[in-house]
Amino acid sequence: MCHTCFLRDRTEFGAAEITPAVVEAARLSYDANPCGPLHIMVDDYGVEDTSVAFCAAQVADRWTEADRACLAAFQALTVSERTHALALRDGYVDAAGAITPDVLVGMTMTADELAAVGKVAAPGVAIGPDGEIVLAQPAGEA
């Protein structure tokens, strides 16, 4: 999932608390084979219940222990928690669940969308005249 899609999903569905279970799922997703039976889940952010069930039904002889542990961890989470576990892994949110400033660079969001995810502006980031997010230029530089 791209940064923009994650932020829009988070705005629509709400933020999940970053619990120890979410942190553990994020850790386990590092070790799961992104080209294996959990590809849809860990690489494409297919974390809906139907996608997780589809992954679980894949041929058993292709599974590693890391895949099995990751699947079990994700099955115990809500859809929002699964998304946030992958966002934590990918650096979109920090351990407290706050959006990381790097996520905002290079994105286009309105001021209202930015406010909805809890950011007014991050260091080094400014809101342009049309509501787009742009890199802030230090005073005196052009």
N, C-alpha and C. Protein backbone atom coordinates (compact mmCIF):
# COMPACT_ATOMS: atom_id res chain seq x y z
N MET A 1 0.86 -1.17 0.00
CA MET A 1 0.00 0.00 0.00
C MET A 1 0.90 1.23 0.00
N CYS A 2 0.52 2.21 -0.77
CA CYS A 2 1.30 3.44 -0.79
C CYS A 2 0.93 4.30 0.42
N HIS A 3 1.75 5.30 0.67
CA HIS A 3 1.53 6.19 1.81
C HIS A 3 0.18 6.88 1.72
N THR A 4 -0.15 7.38 0.54
CA THR A 4 -1.40 8.10 0.36
C THR A 4 -2.59 7.22 0.68
N CYS A 5 -2.58 5.99 0.17
CA CYS A 5 -3.71 5.08 0.43
C CYS A 5 -3.81 4.73 1.90
N PHE A 6 -2.67 4.52 2.55
CA PHE A 6 -2.71 4.23 3.99
C PHE A 6 -3.34 5.40 4.75
N LEU A 7 -2.92 6.61 4.44
CA LEU A 7 -3.45 7.76 5.16
C LEU A 7 -4.94 7.96 4.89
N ARG A 8 -5.35 7.72 3.67
CA ARG A 8 -6.78 7.86 3.36
C ARG A 8 -7.59 6.77 4.06
N ASP A 9 -7.08 5.53 4.10
CA ASP A 9 -7.77 4.46 4.84
C ASP A 9 -7.84 4.80 6.32
N ARG A 10 -6.74 5.30 6.85
CA ARG A 10 -6.70 5.65 8.27
C ARG A 10 -7.71 6.77 8.56
N THR A 11 -7.81 7.73 7.65
CA THR A 11 -8.78 8.81 7.83
C THR A 11 -10.20 8.26 7.80
N GLU A 12 -10.47 7.35 6.88
CA GLU A 12 -11.82 6.80 6.73
C GLU A 12 -12.19 5.84 7.85
N PHE A 13 -11.26 4.95 8.22
CA PHE A 13 -11.58 3.88 9.16
C PHE A 13 -11.05 4.11 10.57
N GLY A 14 -10.21 5.10 10.74
CA GLY A 14 -9.67 5.40 12.06
C GLY A 14 -8.32 4.73 12.31
N ALA A 15 -7.65 5.26 13.30
CA ALA A 15 -6.33 4.75 13.69
C ALA A 15 -6.50 3.60 14.66
N ALA A 16 -5.60 2.65 14.56
CA ALA A 16 -5.59 1.54 15.51
C ALA A 16 -4.53 1.82 16.58
N GLU A 17 -4.79 1.36 17.77
CA GLU A 17 -3.79 1.47 18.83
C GLU A 17 -2.64 0.52 18.51
N ILE A 18 -1.42 1.00 18.72
CA ILE A 18 -0.25 0.16 18.48
C ILE A 18 0.01 -0.63 19.77
N THR A 19 -0.58 -1.81 19.84
CA THR A 19 -0.45 -2.69 21.01
C THR A 19 0.75 -3.61 20.83
N PRO A 20 1.15 -4.33 21.88
CA PRO A 20 2.22 -5.31 21.71
C PRO A 20 1.91 -6.34 20.62
N ALA A 21 0.65 -6.72 20.46
CA ALA A 21 0.29 -7.69 19.41
C ALA A 21 0.52 -7.10 18.02
N VAL A 22 0.25 -5.81 17.84
CA VAL A 22 0.48 -5.15 16.56
C VAL A 22 1.98 -5.07 16.28
N VAL A 23 2.75 -4.73 17.30
CA VAL A 23 4.21 -4.65 17.15
C VAL A 23 4.78 -6.02 16.79
N GLU A 24 4.28 -7.06 17.44
CA GLU A 24 4.76 -8.42 17.15
C GLU A 24 4.38 -8.85 15.73
N ALA A 25 3.18 -8.53 15.30
CA ALA A 25 2.78 -8.85 13.92
C ALA A 25 3.67 -8.12 12.92
N ALA A 26 3.99 -6.86 13.22
CA ALA A 26 4.89 -6.09 12.35
C ALA A 26 6.25 -6.77 12.28
N ARG A 27 6.77 -7.19 13.43
CA ARG A 27 8.08 -7.87 13.47
C ARG A 27 8.04 -9.16 12.67
N LEU A 28 7.00 -9.95 12.84
CA LEU A 28 6.88 -11.23 12.14
C LEU A 28 6.72 -11.05 10.63
N SER A 29 6.11 -9.94 10.22
CA SER A 29 5.91 -9.73 8.79
C SER A 29 7.23 -9.48 8.06
N TYR A 30 8.26 -9.03 8.79
CA TYR A 30 9.60 -8.89 8.19
C TYR A 30 10.14 -10.23 7.72
N ASP A 31 9.86 -11.27 8.51
CA ASP A 31 10.44 -12.59 8.23
C ASP A 31 9.61 -13.44 7.28
N ALA A 32 8.35 -13.07 7.09
CA ALA A 32 7.50 -13.83 6.17
C ALA A 32 7.99 -13.62 4.74
N ASN A 33 7.87 -14.66 3.94
CA ASN A 33 8.31 -14.61 2.55
C ASN A 33 7.35 -13.73 1.74
N PRO A 34 7.80 -12.55 1.26
CA PRO A 34 6.89 -11.67 0.52
C PRO A 34 6.45 -12.24 -0.82
N CYS A 35 7.11 -13.29 -1.27
CA CYS A 35 6.73 -13.95 -2.53
C CYS A 35 6.06 -15.29 -2.27
N GLY A 36 5.83 -15.62 -1.02
CA GLY A 36 5.25 -16.91 -0.66
C GLY A 36 3.75 -16.84 -0.46
N PRO A 37 3.22 -17.72 0.38
CA PRO A 37 1.77 -17.83 0.54
C PRO A 37 1.11 -16.61 1.18
N LEU A 38 1.90 -15.74 1.81
CA LEU A 38 1.33 -14.55 2.44
C LEU A 38 1.53 -13.29 1.60
N HIS A 39 1.93 -13.48 0.34
CA HIS A 39 2.23 -12.33 -0.52
C HIS A 39 1.11 -11.29 -0.51
N ILE A 40 -0.11 -11.71 -0.70
CA ILE A 40 -1.24 -10.77 -0.76
C ILE A 40 -1.33 -9.96 0.53
N MET A 41 -1.04 -10.60 1.64
CA MET A 41 -1.18 -9.96 2.93
C MET A 41 0.01 -9.05 3.24
N VAL A 42 1.23 -9.57 3.19
CA VAL A 42 2.38 -8.80 3.67
C VAL A 42 2.97 -7.87 2.63
N ASP A 43 2.74 -8.12 1.36
CA ASP A 43 3.32 -7.27 0.32
C ASP A 43 2.29 -6.33 -0.28
N ASP A 44 1.04 -6.78 -0.42
CA ASP A 44 0.01 -5.97 -1.07
C ASP A 44 -0.98 -5.33 -0.09
N TYR A 45 -0.77 -5.53 1.22
CA TYR A 45 -1.67 -5.00 2.25
C TYR A 45 -3.09 -5.55 2.09
N GLY A 46 -3.22 -6.77 1.60
CA GLY A 46 -4.53 -7.42 1.53
C GLY A 46 -4.85 -8.00 2.89
N VAL A 47 -5.33 -7.17 3.80
CA VAL A 47 -5.49 -7.59 5.20
C VAL A 47 -6.95 -7.80 5.61
N GLU A 48 -7.85 -7.73 4.64
CA GLU A 48 -9.25 -8.02 4.95
C GLU A 48 -9.36 -9.49 5.33
N ASP A 49 -10.40 -9.83 6.07
CA ASP A 49 -10.57 -11.21 6.52
C ASP A 49 -10.56 -12.20 5.35
N THR A 50 -11.19 -11.84 4.23
CA THR A 50 -11.22 -12.76 3.09
C THR A 50 -9.82 -12.98 2.50
N SER A 51 -8.99 -11.94 2.49
CA SER A 51 -7.63 -12.09 1.96
C SER A 51 -6.77 -12.94 2.89
N VAL A 52 -6.92 -12.75 4.20
CA VAL A 52 -6.16 -13.54 5.17
C VAL A 52 -6.59 -15.01 5.06
N ALA A 53 -7.89 -15.26 4.91
CA ALA A 53 -8.38 -16.64 4.74
C ALA A 53 -7.84 -17.26 3.46
N PHE A 54 -7.78 -16.47 2.37
CA PHE A 54 -7.23 -16.95 1.12
C PHE A 54 -5.76 -17.36 1.31
N CYS A 55 -5.00 -16.51 1.98
CA CYS A 55 -3.58 -16.83 2.24
C CYS A 55 -3.46 -18.11 3.06
N ALA A 56 -4.30 -18.24 4.08
CA ALA A 56 -4.24 -19.41 4.96
C ALA A 56 -4.53 -20.70 4.21
N ALA A 57 -5.28 -20.63 3.11
CA ALA A 57 -5.67 -21.81 2.34
C ALA A 57 -4.62 -22.23 1.31
N GLN A 58 -3.51 -21.51 1.23
CA GLN A 58 -2.49 -21.85 0.23
C GLN A 58 -1.80 -23.17 0.57
N VAL A 59 -1.18 -23.78 -0.42
CA VAL A 59 -0.55 -25.10 -0.29
C VAL A 59 0.43 -25.11 0.90
N ALA A 60 0.23 -26.05 1.78
CA ALA A 60 0.97 -26.09 3.04
C ALA A 60 2.46 -26.36 2.87
N ASP A 61 2.90 -27.06 1.84
CA ASP A 61 4.32 -27.40 1.74
C ASP A 61 5.19 -26.20 1.35
N ARG A 62 4.57 -25.08 1.02
CA ARG A 62 5.33 -23.88 0.67
C ARG A 62 5.54 -22.96 1.87
N TRP A 63 5.02 -23.34 3.01
CA TRP A 63 5.06 -22.48 4.19
C TRP A 63 6.36 -22.64 4.98
N THR A 64 6.88 -21.53 5.47
CA THR A 64 8.00 -21.57 6.41
C THR A 64 7.44 -21.36 7.81
N GLU A 65 8.25 -21.61 8.81
CA GLU A 65 7.81 -21.34 10.19
C GLU A 65 7.51 -19.86 10.37
N ALA A 66 8.29 -19.00 9.72
CA ALA A 66 8.04 -17.55 9.81
C ALA A 66 6.68 -17.20 9.21
N ASP A 67 6.32 -17.85 8.10
CA ASP A 67 5.02 -17.61 7.48
C ASP A 67 3.90 -18.02 8.44
N ARG A 68 4.04 -19.18 9.06
CA ARG A 68 2.99 -19.67 9.98
C ARG A 68 2.83 -18.74 11.17
N ALA A 69 3.96 -18.28 11.72
CA ALA A 69 3.90 -17.38 12.88
C ALA A 69 3.27 -16.04 12.50
N CYS A 70 3.61 -15.54 11.33
CA CYS A 70 3.04 -14.27 10.86
C CYS A 70 1.54 -14.41 10.65
N LEU A 71 1.12 -15.48 10.01
CA LEU A 71 -0.31 -15.70 9.77
C LEU A 71 -1.08 -15.75 11.09
N ALA A 72 -0.57 -16.50 12.04
CA ALA A 72 -1.25 -16.61 13.34
C ALA A 72 -1.37 -15.24 14.02
N ALA A 73 -0.31 -14.46 13.94
CA ALA A 73 -0.33 -13.12 14.55
C ALA A 73 -1.37 -12.23 13.87
N PHE A 74 -1.43 -12.27 12.55
CA PHE A 74 -2.37 -11.43 11.81
C PHE A 74 -3.81 -11.90 11.98
N GLN A 75 -4.02 -13.19 12.12
CA GLN A 75 -5.38 -13.70 12.33
C GLN A 75 -5.97 -13.21 13.64
N ALA A 76 -5.13 -12.91 14.61
CA ALA A 76 -5.60 -12.46 15.92
C ALA A 76 -5.92 -10.96 15.96
N LEU A 77 -5.63 -10.23 14.87
CA LEU A 77 -5.82 -8.78 14.84
C LEU A 77 -7.06 -8.40 14.04
N THR A 78 -7.55 -7.18 14.28
CA THR A 78 -8.61 -6.62 13.44
C THR A 78 -7.99 -6.15 12.12
N VAL A 79 -8.82 -5.84 11.17
CA VAL A 79 -8.33 -5.35 9.88
C VAL A 79 -7.51 -4.07 10.08
N SER A 80 -8.00 -3.14 10.87
CA SER A 80 -7.27 -1.89 11.13
C SER A 80 -5.93 -2.16 11.81
N GLU A 81 -5.91 -3.08 12.76
CA GLU A 81 -4.65 -3.42 13.43
C GLU A 81 -3.67 -4.05 12.45
N ARG A 82 -4.16 -4.88 11.53
CA ARG A 82 -3.28 -5.49 10.52
C ARG A 82 -2.66 -4.42 9.64
N THR A 83 -3.48 -3.48 9.19
CA THR A 83 -2.97 -2.39 8.36
C THR A 83 -1.91 -1.59 9.11
N HIS A 84 -2.16 -1.30 10.37
CA HIS A 84 -1.21 -0.53 11.16
C HIS A 84 0.06 -1.32 11.47
N ALA A 85 -0.05 -2.64 11.58
CA ALA A 85 1.16 -3.46 11.77
C ALA A 85 2.07 -3.32 10.55
N LEU A 86 1.49 -3.40 9.35
CA LEU A 86 2.30 -3.24 8.15
C LEU A 86 2.80 -1.82 8.00
N ALA A 87 1.98 -0.84 8.39
CA ALA A 87 2.41 0.56 8.34
C ALA A 87 3.56 0.81 9.30
N LEU A 88 3.53 0.17 10.46
CA LEU A 88 4.64 0.27 11.40
C LEU A 88 5.90 -0.34 10.80
N ARG A 89 5.75 -1.52 10.19
CA ARG A 89 6.88 -2.18 9.54
C ARG A 89 7.47 -1.30 8.44
N ASP A 90 6.60 -0.63 7.68
CA ASP A 90 7.05 0.16 6.54
C ASP A 90 7.45 1.59 6.90
N GLY A 91 7.31 1.95 8.17
CA GLY A 91 7.72 3.28 8.61
C GLY A 91 6.68 4.37 8.38
N TYR A 92 5.44 4.01 8.08
CA TYR A 92 4.39 5.02 7.87
C TYR A 92 3.93 5.62 9.20
N VAL A 93 4.01 4.82 10.28
CA VAL A 93 3.67 5.28 11.62
C VAL A 93 4.81 4.90 12.55
N ASP A 94 4.89 5.62 13.67
CA ASP A 94 5.90 5.27 14.66
C ASP A 94 5.28 4.35 15.72
N ALA A 95 6.06 3.97 16.71
CA ALA A 95 5.59 3.02 17.72
C ALA A 95 4.44 3.55 18.56
N ALA A 96 4.23 4.87 18.56
CA ALA A 96 3.10 5.45 19.27
C ALA A 96 1.87 5.56 18.38
N GLY A 97 2.02 5.21 17.09
CA GLY A 97 0.90 5.28 16.16
C GLY A 97 0.79 6.60 15.42
N ALA A 98 1.74 7.51 15.64
CA ALA A 98 1.71 8.81 14.96
C ALA A 98 2.28 8.66 13.55
N ILE A 99 1.70 9.42 12.62
CA ILE A 99 2.20 9.43 11.25
C ILE A 99 3.61 9.98 11.25
N THR A 100 4.51 9.32 10.56
CA THR A 100 5.88 9.81 10.50
C THR A 100 5.98 10.94 9.47
N PRO A 101 6.78 11.96 9.76
CA PRO A 101 6.88 13.11 8.84
C PRO A 101 7.29 12.72 7.43
N ASP A 102 8.14 11.73 7.27
CA ASP A 102 8.61 11.33 5.95
C ASP A 102 7.46 10.90 5.05
N VAL A 103 6.39 10.40 5.64
CA VAL A 103 5.25 9.95 4.85
C VAL A 103 4.62 11.12 4.12
N LEU A 104 4.70 12.31 4.67
CA LEU A 104 4.02 13.45 4.11
C LEU A 104 4.74 14.05 2.91
N VAL A 105 6.03 13.84 2.78
CA VAL A 105 6.79 14.44 1.69
C VAL A 105 6.40 13.82 0.36
N GLY A 106 6.10 14.66 -0.61
CA GLY A 106 5.78 14.17 -1.95
C GLY A 106 4.35 13.75 -2.15
N MET A 107 3.50 13.94 -1.15
CA MET A 107 2.10 13.57 -1.27
C MET A 107 1.25 14.78 -1.59
N THR A 108 0.08 14.56 -2.08
CA THR A 108 -0.89 15.62 -2.27
C THR A 108 -2.08 15.32 -1.38
N MET A 109 -2.33 16.20 -0.44
CA MET A 109 -3.49 16.10 0.44
C MET A 109 -4.00 17.51 0.66
N THR A 110 -5.28 17.65 0.85
CA THR A 110 -5.83 18.95 1.20
C THR A 110 -5.50 19.23 2.66
N ALA A 111 -5.65 20.48 3.05
CA ALA A 111 -5.41 20.84 4.45
C ALA A 111 -6.36 20.08 5.36
N ASP A 112 -7.61 19.87 4.91
CA ASP A 112 -8.59 19.12 5.71
C ASP A 112 -8.16 17.67 5.89
N GLU A 113 -7.66 17.04 4.80
CA GLU A 113 -7.19 15.65 4.90
C GLU A 113 -6.00 15.57 5.84
N LEU A 114 -5.10 16.55 5.74
CA LEU A 114 -3.94 16.56 6.61
C LEU A 114 -4.35 16.70 8.06
N ALA A 115 -5.29 17.59 8.33
CA ALA A 115 -5.78 17.77 9.70
C ALA A 115 -6.47 16.50 10.20
N ALA A 116 -7.15 15.77 9.31
CA ALA A 116 -7.86 14.55 9.70
C ALA A 116 -6.91 13.46 10.17
N VAL A 117 -5.67 13.46 9.69
CA VAL A 117 -4.70 12.47 10.15
C VAL A 117 -3.83 13.02 11.27
N GLY A 118 -4.21 14.20 11.77
CA GLY A 118 -3.56 14.73 12.96
C GLY A 118 -2.29 15.53 12.71
N LYS A 119 -2.10 16.02 11.51
CA LYS A 119 -0.91 16.81 11.21
C LYS A 119 -1.32 18.17 10.66
N VAL A 120 -0.67 19.19 11.10
CA VAL A 120 -0.85 20.50 10.50
C VAL A 120 0.25 20.69 9.49
N ALA A 121 1.46 20.42 9.89
CA ALA A 121 2.62 20.39 9.00
C ALA A 121 3.73 19.76 9.81
N ALA A 122 4.66 19.17 9.16
CA ALA A 122 5.80 18.55 9.82
C ALA A 122 7.03 19.40 9.54
N PRO A 123 8.09 19.26 10.34
CA PRO A 123 9.31 20.02 10.05
C PRO A 123 9.77 19.74 8.62
N GLY A 124 10.05 20.82 7.90
CA GLY A 124 10.51 20.67 6.52
C GLY A 124 9.40 20.51 5.51
N VAL A 125 8.14 20.61 5.95
CA VAL A 125 7.00 20.42 5.07
C VAL A 125 6.09 21.64 5.19
N ALA A 126 5.55 22.09 4.06
CA ALA A 126 4.62 23.21 4.06
C ALA A 126 3.37 22.83 3.27
N ILE A 127 2.29 23.54 3.49
CA ILE A 127 1.07 23.35 2.72
C ILE A 127 1.04 24.41 1.65
N GLY A 128 0.95 23.99 0.39
CA GLY A 128 0.95 24.91 -0.73
C GLY A 128 -0.37 25.64 -0.89
N PRO A 129 -0.45 26.55 -1.85
CA PRO A 129 -1.65 27.38 -2.03
C PRO A 129 -2.90 26.59 -2.39
N ASP A 130 -2.74 25.42 -3.00
CA ASP A 130 -3.89 24.59 -3.35
C ASP A 130 -4.11 23.46 -2.37
N GLY A 131 -3.46 23.52 -1.20
CA GLY A 131 -3.61 22.50 -0.19
C GLY A 131 -2.65 21.34 -0.35
N GLU A 132 -1.77 21.40 -1.34
CA GLU A 132 -0.82 20.32 -1.54
C GLU A 132 0.32 20.43 -0.53
N ILE A 133 0.93 19.31 -0.25
CA ILE A 133 2.06 19.28 0.68
C ILE A 133 3.33 19.41 -0.16
N VAL A 134 4.17 20.34 0.23
CA VAL A 134 5.41 20.59 -0.49
C VAL A 134 6.55 20.68 0.51
N LEU A 135 7.76 20.44 0.02
CA LEU A 135 8.93 20.63 0.88
C LEU A 135 9.07 22.10 1.21
N ALA A 136 9.28 22.41 2.46
CA ALA A 136 9.45 23.80 2.88
C ALA A 136 10.86 24.24 2.53
N GLN A 137 10.99 25.43 2.01
CA GLN A 137 12.30 26.01 1.71
C GLN A 137 12.71 26.88 2.88
N PRO A 138 13.94 26.70 3.37
CA PRO A 138 14.41 27.61 4.44
C PRO A 138 14.39 29.04 3.93
N ALA A 139 14.18 30.00 4.84
CA ALA A 139 14.14 31.42 4.47
C ALA A 139 15.41 31.81 3.73
N GLY A 140 15.23 32.56 2.65
CA GLY A 140 16.38 33.05 1.87
C GLY A 140 16.85 32.11 0.79
N GLU A 141 16.29 30.90 0.70
CA GLU A 141 16.70 29.96 -0.35
C GLU A 141 15.62 29.90 -1.42
N ALA A 142 16.04 29.78 -2.66
CA ALA A 142 15.06 29.67 -3.74
C ALA A 142 15.40 28.51 -4.62
